[in-house]
Amino acid sequence: MFCPKPEWVPTDLAVKTLFMSRSRLYQLKQSSILKAGQHFIYASGSGSRILWSVPAIRQWQIEESRTPDASPETYSDLPGEGGAA
């Protein structure tokens, strides 16, 4: 039987699928980087179980990866690569 991928998934599945910690996911939500209705929803209204949109968060990850300052370190920051040893 064909079972399509769910659009909205619970936190435990989102964390595994996105390779992101639970605390980081909630930090992004709390800081309003992830938007209600786009990246997450409340399953049965405000204050209820949160469901996450893996495709929307993946798109956010892609966009963040393309940002020049996205990487916390560069090769020049590494010892032996032109940075301080």
N, C-alpha and C. Protein backbone atom coordinates (compact mmCIF):
# COMPACT_ATOMS: atom_id res chain seq x y z
N MET A 1 0.84 -1.19 0.00
CA MET A 1 0.00 0.00 0.00
C MET A 1 0.88 1.25 0.00
N PHE A 2 0.57 2.20 -0.85
CA PHE A 2 1.32 3.46 -0.95
C PHE A 2 0.95 4.35 0.22
N CYS A 3 1.98 4.87 0.87
CA CYS A 3 1.77 5.81 1.97
C CYS A 3 2.65 7.02 1.72
N PRO A 4 2.06 8.17 1.34
CA PRO A 4 2.88 9.35 1.05
C PRO A 4 3.59 9.85 2.30
N LYS A 5 4.70 10.55 2.11
CA LYS A 5 5.40 11.14 3.24
C LYS A 5 4.51 12.20 3.87
N PRO A 6 4.42 12.21 5.19
CA PRO A 6 3.57 13.21 5.84
C PRO A 6 4.18 14.61 5.68
N GLU A 7 3.32 15.58 5.52
CA GLU A 7 3.78 16.95 5.39
C GLU A 7 4.22 17.51 6.74
N TRP A 8 3.54 17.13 7.79
CA TRP A 8 3.83 17.61 9.14
C TRP A 8 4.18 16.42 10.02
N VAL A 9 5.31 16.51 10.73
CA VAL A 9 5.78 15.38 11.53
C VAL A 9 6.01 15.82 12.97
N PRO A 10 5.93 14.88 13.92
CA PRO A 10 6.21 15.21 15.32
C PRO A 10 7.69 15.53 15.53
N THR A 11 7.99 16.13 16.65
CA THR A 11 9.34 16.60 16.96
C THR A 11 10.38 15.49 16.86
N ASP A 12 10.11 14.32 17.43
CA ASP A 12 11.13 13.26 17.42
C ASP A 12 11.53 12.85 16.01
N LEU A 13 10.58 12.82 15.09
CA LEU A 13 10.88 12.47 13.70
C LEU A 13 11.58 13.63 12.98
N ALA A 14 11.16 14.85 13.26
CA ALA A 14 11.80 16.02 12.64
C ALA A 14 13.27 16.10 13.03
N VAL A 15 13.55 15.87 14.30
CA VAL A 15 14.93 15.92 14.81
C VAL A 15 15.81 14.90 14.08
N LYS A 16 15.31 13.69 13.93
CA LYS A 16 16.08 12.63 13.26
C LYS A 16 16.26 12.94 11.77
N THR A 17 15.22 13.42 11.14
CA THR A 17 15.25 13.67 9.70
C THR A 17 16.12 14.86 9.34
N LEU A 18 16.11 15.89 10.18
CA LEU A 18 16.83 17.13 9.89
C LEU A 18 18.25 17.15 10.46
N PHE A 19 18.63 16.11 11.22
CA PHE A 19 19.95 16.07 11.86
C PHE A 19 20.17 17.32 12.71
N MET A 20 19.16 17.65 13.51
CA MET A 20 19.18 18.84 14.34
C MET A 20 18.73 18.45 15.74
N SER A 21 19.31 19.02 16.74
CA SER A 21 18.89 18.68 18.10
C SER A 21 17.51 19.26 18.41
N ARG A 22 16.85 18.63 19.35
CA ARG A 22 15.53 19.09 19.80
C ARG A 22 15.64 20.53 20.32
N SER A 23 16.68 20.79 21.10
CA SER A 23 16.83 22.13 21.68
C SER A 23 17.07 23.18 20.60
N ARG A 24 17.84 22.83 19.57
CA ARG A 24 18.08 23.78 18.47
C ARG A 24 16.80 24.07 17.70
N LEU A 25 16.00 23.04 17.47
CA LEU A 25 14.73 23.22 16.78
C LEU A 25 13.82 24.18 17.55
N TYR A 26 13.72 23.98 18.86
CA TYR A 26 12.88 24.85 19.68
C TYR A 26 13.48 26.25 19.81
N GLN A 27 14.81 26.34 19.81
CA GLN A 27 15.47 27.64 19.85
C GLN A 27 15.12 28.45 18.60
N LEU A 28 15.15 27.82 17.44
CA LEU A 28 14.79 28.49 16.18
C LEU A 28 13.33 28.92 16.19
N LYS A 29 12.48 28.10 16.77
CA LYS A 29 11.05 28.45 16.89
C LYS A 29 10.88 29.64 17.83
N GLN A 30 11.51 29.55 18.99
CA GLN A 30 11.37 30.59 20.02
C GLN A 30 11.90 31.94 19.53
N SER A 31 12.95 31.93 18.73
CA SER A 31 13.53 33.17 18.24
C SER A 31 12.83 33.70 16.99
N SER A 32 11.76 33.04 16.58
CA SER A 32 10.94 33.42 15.41
C SER A 32 11.69 33.30 14.09
N ILE A 33 12.76 32.53 14.07
CA ILE A 33 13.43 32.24 12.80
C ILE A 33 12.56 31.27 12.01
N LEU A 34 12.04 30.26 12.69
CA LEU A 34 11.06 29.36 12.07
C LEU A 34 9.68 29.95 12.33
N LYS A 35 8.87 30.02 11.30
CA LYS A 35 7.58 30.70 11.36
C LYS A 35 6.41 29.73 11.49
N ALA A 36 5.45 30.11 12.34
CA ALA A 36 4.22 29.33 12.51
C ALA A 36 3.47 29.30 11.19
N GLY A 37 2.96 28.13 10.84
CA GLY A 37 2.21 27.96 9.60
C GLY A 37 3.08 27.63 8.41
N GLN A 38 4.37 27.96 8.49
CA GLN A 38 5.30 27.66 7.41
C GLN A 38 6.24 26.52 7.83
N HIS A 39 6.85 26.66 8.99
CA HIS A 39 7.82 25.68 9.48
C HIS A 39 7.23 24.75 10.55
N PHE A 40 6.23 25.22 11.27
CA PHE A 40 5.61 24.41 12.30
C PHE A 40 4.15 24.82 12.48
N ILE A 41 3.39 23.90 13.04
CA ILE A 41 2.00 24.18 13.38
C ILE A 41 1.70 23.54 14.74
N TYR A 42 0.66 24.02 15.37
CA TYR A 42 0.14 23.39 16.57
C TYR A 42 -0.95 22.43 16.12
N ALA A 43 -0.83 21.17 16.51
CA ALA A 43 -1.72 20.11 16.00
C ALA A 43 -3.19 20.41 16.24
N SER A 44 -3.52 20.95 17.40
CA SER A 44 -4.94 21.23 17.66
C SER A 44 -5.12 22.59 18.32
N GLY A 45 -4.39 23.55 17.83
CA GLY A 45 -4.51 24.91 18.35
C GLY A 45 -3.34 25.28 19.24
N SER A 46 -3.22 26.55 19.54
CA SER A 46 -2.10 27.08 20.32
C SER A 46 -1.92 26.34 21.63
N GLY A 47 -0.68 26.01 21.92
CA GLY A 47 -0.37 25.34 23.17
C GLY A 47 -0.42 23.82 23.09
N SER A 48 -0.80 23.27 21.96
CA SER A 48 -0.88 21.82 21.82
C SER A 48 0.40 21.28 21.19
N ARG A 49 0.41 20.02 20.89
CA ARG A 49 1.56 19.35 20.29
C ARG A 49 2.00 20.07 19.01
N ILE A 50 3.32 20.21 18.84
CA ILE A 50 3.87 20.89 17.67
C ILE A 50 4.22 19.87 16.61
N LEU A 51 3.86 20.19 15.38
CA LEU A 51 4.24 19.39 14.21
C LEU A 51 5.12 20.27 13.33
N TRP A 52 6.10 19.64 12.67
CA TRP A 52 7.10 20.37 11.90
C TRP A 52 7.04 20.02 10.42
N SER A 53 7.30 20.99 9.57
CA SER A 53 7.37 20.77 8.13
C SER A 53 8.83 20.55 7.75
N VAL A 54 9.20 19.29 7.57
CA VAL A 54 10.58 18.97 7.21
C VAL A 54 10.99 19.65 5.90
N PRO A 55 10.17 19.62 4.84
CA PRO A 55 10.58 20.29 3.60
C PRO A 55 10.84 21.79 3.78
N ALA A 56 10.02 22.46 4.56
CA ALA A 56 10.19 23.91 4.76
C ALA A 56 11.45 24.20 5.58
N ILE A 57 11.71 23.37 6.58
CA ILE A 57 12.91 23.58 7.40
C ILE A 57 14.15 23.23 6.60
N ARG A 58 14.08 22.21 5.77
CA ARG A 58 15.22 21.88 4.88
C ARG A 58 15.52 23.05 3.95
N GLN A 59 14.49 23.67 3.43
CA GLN A 59 14.69 24.83 2.56
C GLN A 59 15.37 25.95 3.34
N TRP A 60 14.97 26.16 4.58
CA TRP A 60 15.62 27.16 5.43
C TRP A 60 17.09 26.80 5.62
N GLN A 61 17.38 25.51 5.86
CA GLN A 61 18.77 25.06 6.03
C GLN A 61 19.59 25.36 4.77
N ILE A 62 19.01 25.10 3.61
CA ILE A 62 19.69 25.36 2.35
C ILE A 62 19.99 26.85 2.21
N GLU A 63 19.01 27.68 2.48
CA GLU A 63 19.19 29.13 2.36
C GLU A 63 20.24 29.63 3.35
N GLU A 64 20.24 29.11 4.56
CA GLU A 64 21.23 29.50 5.56
C GLU A 64 22.63 29.05 5.15
N SER A 65 22.72 27.91 4.51
CA SER A 65 24.01 27.39 4.06
C SER A 65 24.62 28.25 2.96
N ARG A 66 23.79 28.94 2.22
CA ARG A 66 24.26 29.80 1.13
C ARG A 66 24.68 31.17 1.60
N THR A 67 24.38 31.51 2.85
CA THR A 67 24.72 32.81 3.41
C THR A 67 26.22 32.85 3.68
N PRO A 68 26.91 33.91 3.29
CA PRO A 68 28.36 33.97 3.47
C PRO A 68 28.82 33.72 4.91
N ASP A 69 28.08 34.18 5.89
CA ASP A 69 28.47 34.02 7.29
C ASP A 69 27.88 32.76 7.93
N ALA A 70 27.36 31.85 7.13
CA ALA A 70 26.69 30.67 7.68
C ALA A 70 27.65 29.72 8.38
N SER A 71 28.86 29.61 7.87
CA SER A 71 29.83 28.68 8.45
C SER A 71 30.50 29.31 9.66
N PRO A 72 30.50 28.61 10.81
CA PRO A 72 31.12 29.18 12.00
C PRO A 72 32.64 29.26 11.90
N GLU A 73 33.26 28.46 11.03
CA GLU A 73 34.70 28.54 10.83
C GLU A 73 35.03 28.39 9.36
N THR A 74 36.14 28.94 8.98
CA THR A 74 36.61 28.81 7.61
C THR A 74 37.94 28.10 7.62
N TYR A 75 38.42 27.69 6.45
CA TYR A 75 39.71 27.02 6.37
C TYR A 75 40.82 27.90 6.93
N SER A 76 40.73 29.21 6.73
CA SER A 76 41.78 30.10 7.22
C SER A 76 41.79 30.16 8.75
N ASP A 77 40.69 29.72 9.39
CA ASP A 77 40.64 29.71 10.84
C ASP A 77 41.34 28.48 11.43
N LEU A 78 41.62 27.48 10.59
CA LEU A 78 42.20 26.23 11.06
C LEU A 78 43.71 26.33 11.12
N PRO A 79 44.33 25.68 12.12
CA PRO A 79 45.80 25.68 12.20
C PRO A 79 46.39 25.09 10.92
N GLY A 80 47.46 25.71 10.44
CA GLY A 80 48.14 25.23 9.25
C GLY A 80 47.48 25.64 7.95
N GLU A 81 46.41 26.40 8.01
CA GLU A 81 45.68 26.82 6.81
C GLU A 81 45.69 28.35 6.67
N GLY A 82 46.72 28.98 7.20
CA GLY A 82 46.80 30.43 7.08
C GLY A 82 46.29 31.16 8.31
N GLY A 83 45.66 30.43 9.22
CA GLY A 83 45.16 31.05 10.44
C GLY A 83 46.19 30.91 11.55
N ALA A 84 45.81 31.33 12.72
CA ALA A 84 46.71 31.23 13.87
C ALA A 84 46.86 29.77 14.27
N ALA A 85 48.05 29.40 14.69
CA ALA A 85 48.33 28.00 15.07
C ALA A 85 48.11 27.80 16.55
